[in-house]
């Protein structure tokens, strides 16, 4: 009788993605940050739309606090980058996305 050894696979429950790392001009950094914020804002708008889609009885009342928060952060970032641009400064940016499986 042949005995087969089963290899145990390690199940990955955490993931890290090094999204942004490096030195950038203020214009480059602004482009990157605005692109990320735009995607997140559009994501939340689409989520909001999908909740009410096809329901004519829905009063379209929803929580826009996350969208408003992101728009506020976008305005703050715009001022920050404008100031860095006026001072002709380079910017160092780093962003890591951390993902983990929850029960």
N, C-alpha and C. Protein backbone atom coordinates (compact mmCIF):
# COMPACT_ATOMS: atom_id res chain seq x y z
N UNK A 1 0.83 -1.17 0.00
CA UNK A 1 0.00 0.00 0.00
C UNK A 1 0.88 1.24 0.00
N UNK A 2 0.57 2.17 -0.88
CA UNK A 2 1.37 3.38 -1.00
C UNK A 2 0.77 4.49 -0.14
N UNK A 3 1.61 5.15 0.62
CA UNK A 3 1.16 6.26 1.46
C UNK A 3 1.56 7.57 0.79
N UNK A 4 0.56 8.41 0.59
CA UNK A 4 0.83 9.70 -0.02
C UNK A 4 0.86 10.77 1.05
N UNK A 5 1.88 11.59 0.97
CA UNK A 5 2.00 12.68 1.93
C UNK A 5 1.29 13.90 1.35
N UNK A 6 0.38 14.46 2.12
CA UNK A 6 -0.35 15.64 1.67
C UNK A 6 0.42 16.89 2.09
N UNK A 7 0.67 17.73 1.13
CA UNK A 7 1.34 19.00 1.43
C UNK A 7 0.30 19.98 1.95
N UNK A 8 0.60 20.55 3.08
CA UNK A 8 -0.33 21.54 3.64
C UNK A 8 -0.02 22.89 3.03
N UNK A 9 -1.05 23.49 2.49
CA UNK A 9 -0.90 24.81 1.88
C UNK A 9 -1.18 25.87 2.92
N UNK A 10 -0.31 26.84 2.97
CA UNK A 10 -0.53 27.95 3.89
C UNK A 10 -1.56 28.88 3.24
N UNK A 11 -2.62 29.13 3.98
CA UNK A 11 -3.67 30.01 3.48
C UNK A 11 -3.27 31.45 3.81
N UNK A 12 -3.22 32.26 2.79
CA UNK A 12 -2.82 33.64 2.96
C UNK A 12 -4.02 34.45 3.45
N UNK A 13 -3.87 35.11 4.61
CA UNK A 13 -4.96 35.89 5.17
C UNK A 13 -4.65 37.37 5.18
N UNK A 14 -3.44 37.73 4.78
CA UNK A 14 -3.05 39.13 4.71
C UNK A 14 -2.34 39.40 3.39
N UNK A 15 -2.55 40.59 2.88
CA UNK A 15 -1.91 40.99 1.62
C UNK A 15 -1.50 42.45 1.76
N UNK A 16 -0.32 42.77 1.28
CA UNK A 16 0.13 44.15 1.25
C UNK A 16 0.51 44.50 -0.18
N UNK A 17 0.06 45.65 -0.63
CA UNK A 17 0.38 46.14 -1.96
C UNK A 17 1.09 47.47 -1.81
N UNK A 18 2.34 47.51 -2.25
CA UNK A 18 3.10 48.76 -2.21
C UNK A 18 2.66 49.58 -3.41
N UNK A 19 1.73 50.49 -3.18
CA UNK A 19 1.08 51.22 -4.26
C UNK A 19 1.92 52.40 -4.75
N UNK A 20 2.44 53.18 -3.82
CA UNK A 20 3.19 54.38 -4.17
C UNK A 20 4.44 54.44 -3.31
N UNK A 21 5.59 54.68 -3.95
CA UNK A 21 6.81 54.87 -3.19
C UNK A 21 7.81 55.61 -4.07
N UNK A 22 8.26 56.75 -3.58
CA UNK A 22 9.26 57.48 -4.34
C UNK A 22 9.22 58.97 -4.09
N UNK A 23 10.03 59.67 -4.87
CA UNK A 23 10.12 61.13 -4.81
C UNK A 23 9.47 61.70 -6.06
N UNK A 24 8.65 62.74 -5.86
CA UNK A 24 7.87 63.28 -6.95
C UNK A 24 7.89 64.81 -6.91
N UNK A 25 7.67 65.43 -8.05
CA UNK A 25 7.43 66.87 -8.05
C UNK A 25 6.02 67.09 -7.48
N UNK A 26 5.72 68.32 -7.13
CA UNK A 26 4.39 68.62 -6.60
C UNK A 26 3.32 68.31 -7.64
N UNK A 27 3.60 68.58 -8.90
CA UNK A 27 2.63 68.30 -9.96
C UNK A 27 2.40 66.79 -10.10
N UNK A 28 3.46 66.01 -10.06
CA UNK A 28 3.33 64.55 -10.17
C UNK A 28 2.55 63.99 -8.99
N UNK A 29 2.92 64.44 -7.79
CA UNK A 29 2.24 63.96 -6.58
C UNK A 29 0.76 64.34 -6.61
N UNK A 30 0.47 65.55 -7.06
CA UNK A 30 -0.91 66.00 -7.18
C UNK A 30 -1.69 65.12 -8.15
N UNK A 31 -1.10 64.80 -9.28
CA UNK A 31 -1.76 63.93 -10.26
C UNK A 31 -2.08 62.56 -9.67
N UNK A 32 -1.12 61.99 -8.95
CA UNK A 32 -1.31 60.66 -8.37
C UNK A 32 -2.41 60.69 -7.32
N UNK A 33 -2.32 61.61 -6.38
CA UNK A 33 -3.28 61.68 -5.29
C UNK A 33 -4.68 61.99 -5.83
N UNK A 34 -4.79 62.93 -6.76
CA UNK A 34 -6.10 63.25 -7.32
C UNK A 34 -6.70 62.08 -8.08
N UNK A 35 -5.89 61.31 -8.76
CA UNK A 35 -6.39 60.13 -9.48
C UNK A 35 -6.95 59.10 -8.50
N UNK A 36 -6.24 58.86 -7.41
CA UNK A 36 -6.71 57.90 -6.41
C UNK A 36 -8.00 58.39 -5.76
N UNK A 37 -8.02 59.66 -5.38
CA UNK A 37 -9.22 60.22 -4.75
C UNK A 37 -10.41 60.19 -5.70
N UNK A 38 -10.18 60.49 -6.97
CA UNK A 38 -11.25 60.48 -7.96
C UNK A 38 -11.87 59.08 -8.08
N UNK A 39 -11.01 58.06 -8.10
CA UNK A 39 -11.50 56.68 -8.20
C UNK A 39 -12.34 56.33 -6.98
N UNK A 40 -11.86 56.71 -5.79
CA UNK A 40 -12.60 56.40 -4.56
C UNK A 40 -13.94 57.14 -4.51
N UNK A 41 -13.95 58.41 -4.90
CA UNK A 41 -15.19 59.19 -4.91
C UNK A 41 -16.18 58.57 -5.88
N UNK A 42 -15.73 58.22 -7.08
CA UNK A 42 -16.62 57.59 -8.07
C UNK A 42 -17.12 56.23 -7.59
N UNK A 43 -16.27 55.48 -6.90
CA UNK A 43 -16.69 54.19 -6.34
C UNK A 43 -17.87 54.39 -5.39
N UNK A 44 -17.76 55.34 -4.48
CA UNK A 44 -18.83 55.58 -3.52
C UNK A 44 -20.09 56.12 -4.19
N UNK A 45 -19.93 56.94 -5.23
CA UNK A 45 -21.09 57.43 -5.97
C UNK A 45 -21.82 56.28 -6.67
N UNK A 46 -21.06 55.37 -7.26
CA UNK A 46 -21.67 54.22 -7.93
C UNK A 46 -22.35 53.29 -6.92
N UNK A 47 -21.73 53.12 -5.76
CA UNK A 47 -22.36 52.30 -4.71
C UNK A 47 -23.69 52.91 -4.29
N UNK A 48 -23.68 54.22 -4.12
CA UNK A 48 -24.88 54.94 -3.73
C UNK A 48 -25.96 54.79 -4.80
N UNK A 49 -25.58 54.91 -6.06
CA UNK A 49 -26.53 54.78 -7.16
C UNK A 49 -27.10 53.37 -7.24
N UNK A 50 -26.27 52.37 -7.02
CA UNK A 50 -26.74 50.98 -7.13
C UNK A 50 -27.73 50.63 -6.04
N UNK A 51 -27.69 51.33 -4.93
CA UNK A 51 -28.65 51.06 -3.84
C UNK A 51 -30.06 51.44 -4.28
N UNK A 52 -30.18 52.52 -5.02
CA UNK A 52 -31.50 53.03 -5.40
C UNK A 52 -31.92 52.65 -6.82
N UNK A 53 -31.05 52.03 -7.59
CA UNK A 53 -31.35 51.71 -8.98
C UNK A 53 -32.56 50.78 -9.09
N UNK A 54 -33.49 51.16 -9.94
CA UNK A 54 -34.66 50.32 -10.20
C UNK A 54 -35.75 50.43 -9.16
N UNK A 55 -35.56 51.25 -8.14
CA UNK A 55 -36.57 51.39 -7.10
C UNK A 55 -37.17 52.79 -7.20
N UNK A 56 -38.28 52.91 -7.90
CA UNK A 56 -38.92 54.21 -8.12
C UNK A 56 -39.50 54.79 -6.83
N UNK A 57 -39.71 53.95 -5.83
CA UNK A 57 -40.29 54.40 -4.57
C UNK A 57 -39.23 54.94 -3.61
N UNK A 58 -37.96 54.72 -3.92
CA UNK A 58 -36.88 55.16 -3.03
C UNK A 58 -36.77 56.68 -3.04
N UNK A 59 -36.68 57.27 -1.87
CA UNK A 59 -36.56 58.72 -1.75
C UNK A 59 -35.15 59.22 -2.00
N UNK A 60 -34.23 58.33 -2.38
CA UNK A 60 -32.84 58.67 -2.68
C UNK A 60 -32.15 59.37 -1.50
N UNK A 61 -32.49 58.95 -0.31
CA UNK A 61 -31.80 59.47 0.86
C UNK A 61 -30.68 58.50 1.21
N UNK A 62 -29.47 59.02 1.31
CA UNK A 62 -28.33 58.16 1.57
C UNK A 62 -27.26 58.95 2.29
N UNK A 63 -26.35 58.24 2.87
CA UNK A 63 -25.25 58.85 3.61
C UNK A 63 -24.14 59.20 2.63
N UNK A 64 -23.86 60.47 2.49
CA UNK A 64 -22.80 60.93 1.61
C UNK A 64 -21.57 61.37 2.40
N UNK A 65 -21.49 60.98 3.65
CA UNK A 65 -20.40 61.48 4.51
C UNK A 65 -19.02 61.07 3.99
N UNK A 66 -18.88 59.85 3.47
CA UNK A 66 -17.57 59.42 2.97
C UNK A 66 -17.18 60.21 1.72
N UNK A 67 -18.14 60.46 0.85
CA UNK A 67 -17.87 61.25 -0.35
C UNK A 67 -17.45 62.66 0.05
N UNK A 68 -18.18 63.25 0.99
CA UNK A 68 -17.85 64.60 1.46
C UNK A 68 -16.48 64.65 2.11
N UNK A 69 -16.15 63.60 2.87
CA UNK A 69 -14.84 63.53 3.51
C UNK A 69 -13.72 63.48 2.47
N UNK A 70 -13.91 62.68 1.44
CA UNK A 70 -12.91 62.57 0.38
C UNK A 70 -12.78 63.87 -0.41
N UNK A 71 -13.89 64.55 -0.66
CA UNK A 71 -13.84 65.84 -1.35
C UNK A 71 -13.10 66.88 -0.51
N UNK A 72 -13.32 66.83 0.81
CA UNK A 72 -12.60 67.74 1.70
C UNK A 72 -11.10 67.45 1.69
N UNK A 73 -10.74 66.18 1.72
CA UNK A 73 -9.32 65.80 1.68
C UNK A 73 -8.69 66.22 0.35
N UNK A 74 -9.46 66.16 -0.72
CA UNK A 74 -8.98 66.57 -2.03
C UNK A 74 -8.66 68.07 -2.04
N UNK A 75 -9.52 68.86 -1.41
CA UNK A 75 -9.29 70.31 -1.33
C UNK A 75 -8.06 70.63 -0.47
N UNK A 76 -7.90 69.91 0.63
CA UNK A 76 -6.73 70.10 1.50
C UNK A 76 -5.45 69.74 0.74
N UNK A 77 -5.49 68.63 0.01
CA UNK A 77 -4.33 68.19 -0.77
C UNK A 77 -3.98 69.21 -1.86
N UNK A 78 -5.00 69.79 -2.48
CA UNK A 78 -4.77 70.79 -3.53
C UNK A 78 -3.98 71.97 -2.97
N UNK A 79 -4.36 72.44 -1.78
CA UNK A 79 -3.64 73.55 -1.14
C UNK A 79 -2.21 73.13 -0.78
N UNK A 80 -2.06 71.92 -0.28
CA UNK A 80 -0.74 71.41 0.10
C UNK A 80 0.19 71.37 -1.11
N UNK A 81 -0.31 70.83 -2.21
CA UNK A 81 0.52 70.72 -3.42
C UNK A 81 0.82 72.09 -4.03
N UNK A 82 -0.14 72.99 -3.95
CA UNK A 82 0.10 74.34 -4.46
C UNK A 82 1.22 75.02 -3.67
N UNK A 83 1.20 74.85 -2.36
CA UNK A 83 2.24 75.41 -1.51
C UNK A 83 3.61 74.80 -1.82
N UNK A 84 3.65 73.49 -1.98
CA UNK A 84 4.91 72.81 -2.31
C UNK A 84 5.42 73.27 -3.68
N UNK A 85 4.50 73.47 -4.62
CA UNK A 85 4.87 73.92 -5.96
C UNK A 85 5.46 75.33 -5.91
N UNK A 86 4.86 76.21 -5.11
CA UNK A 86 5.36 77.58 -4.96
C UNK A 86 6.77 77.61 -4.37
N UNK A 87 7.04 76.66 -3.48
CA UNK A 87 8.36 76.59 -2.84
C UNK A 87 9.34 75.74 -3.66
N UNK A 88 8.88 75.23 -4.80
CA UNK A 88 9.70 74.39 -5.68
C UNK A 88 10.30 73.19 -4.94
N UNK A 89 9.46 72.53 -4.14
CA UNK A 89 9.90 71.39 -3.32
C UNK A 89 9.56 70.07 -4.01
N UNK A 90 10.40 69.08 -3.76
CA UNK A 90 10.12 67.70 -4.15
C UNK A 90 9.35 67.06 -3.00
N UNK A 91 8.56 66.08 -3.29
CA UNK A 91 7.77 65.40 -2.27
C UNK A 91 8.09 63.91 -2.25
N UNK A 92 8.14 63.38 -1.06
CA UNK A 92 8.33 61.94 -0.87
C UNK A 92 6.97 61.36 -0.50
N UNK A 93 6.56 60.33 -1.24
CA UNK A 93 5.27 59.70 -0.96
C UNK A 93 5.44 58.20 -0.82
N UNK A 94 4.63 57.65 0.07
CA UNK A 94 4.60 56.21 0.27
C UNK A 94 3.17 55.83 0.65
N UNK A 95 2.67 54.81 0.01
CA UNK A 95 1.33 54.33 0.31
C UNK A 95 1.30 52.82 0.15
N UNK A 96 0.86 52.17 1.19
CA UNK A 96 0.72 50.72 1.17
C UNK A 96 -0.73 50.37 1.48
N UNK A 97 -1.30 49.52 0.69
CA UNK A 97 -2.65 49.02 0.95
C UNK A 97 -2.51 47.71 1.72
N UNK A 98 -3.17 47.64 2.86
CA UNK A 98 -3.15 46.42 3.68
C UNK A 98 -4.53 45.78 3.63
N UNK A 99 -4.55 44.51 3.26
CA UNK A 99 -5.79 43.76 3.12
C UNK A 99 -5.71 42.53 4.02
N UNK A 100 -6.77 42.26 4.76
CA UNK A 100 -6.78 41.05 5.58
C UNK A 100 -8.17 40.42 5.54
N UNK A 101 -8.23 39.12 5.64
CA UNK A 101 -9.48 38.38 5.63
C UNK A 101 -10.06 38.42 7.04
N UNK A 102 -11.34 38.76 7.11
CA UNK A 102 -12.02 38.78 8.40
C UNK A 102 -13.04 37.65 8.45
N UNK A 103 -13.29 37.21 9.63
CA UNK A 103 -14.33 36.17 9.82
C UNK A 103 -15.69 36.79 9.95
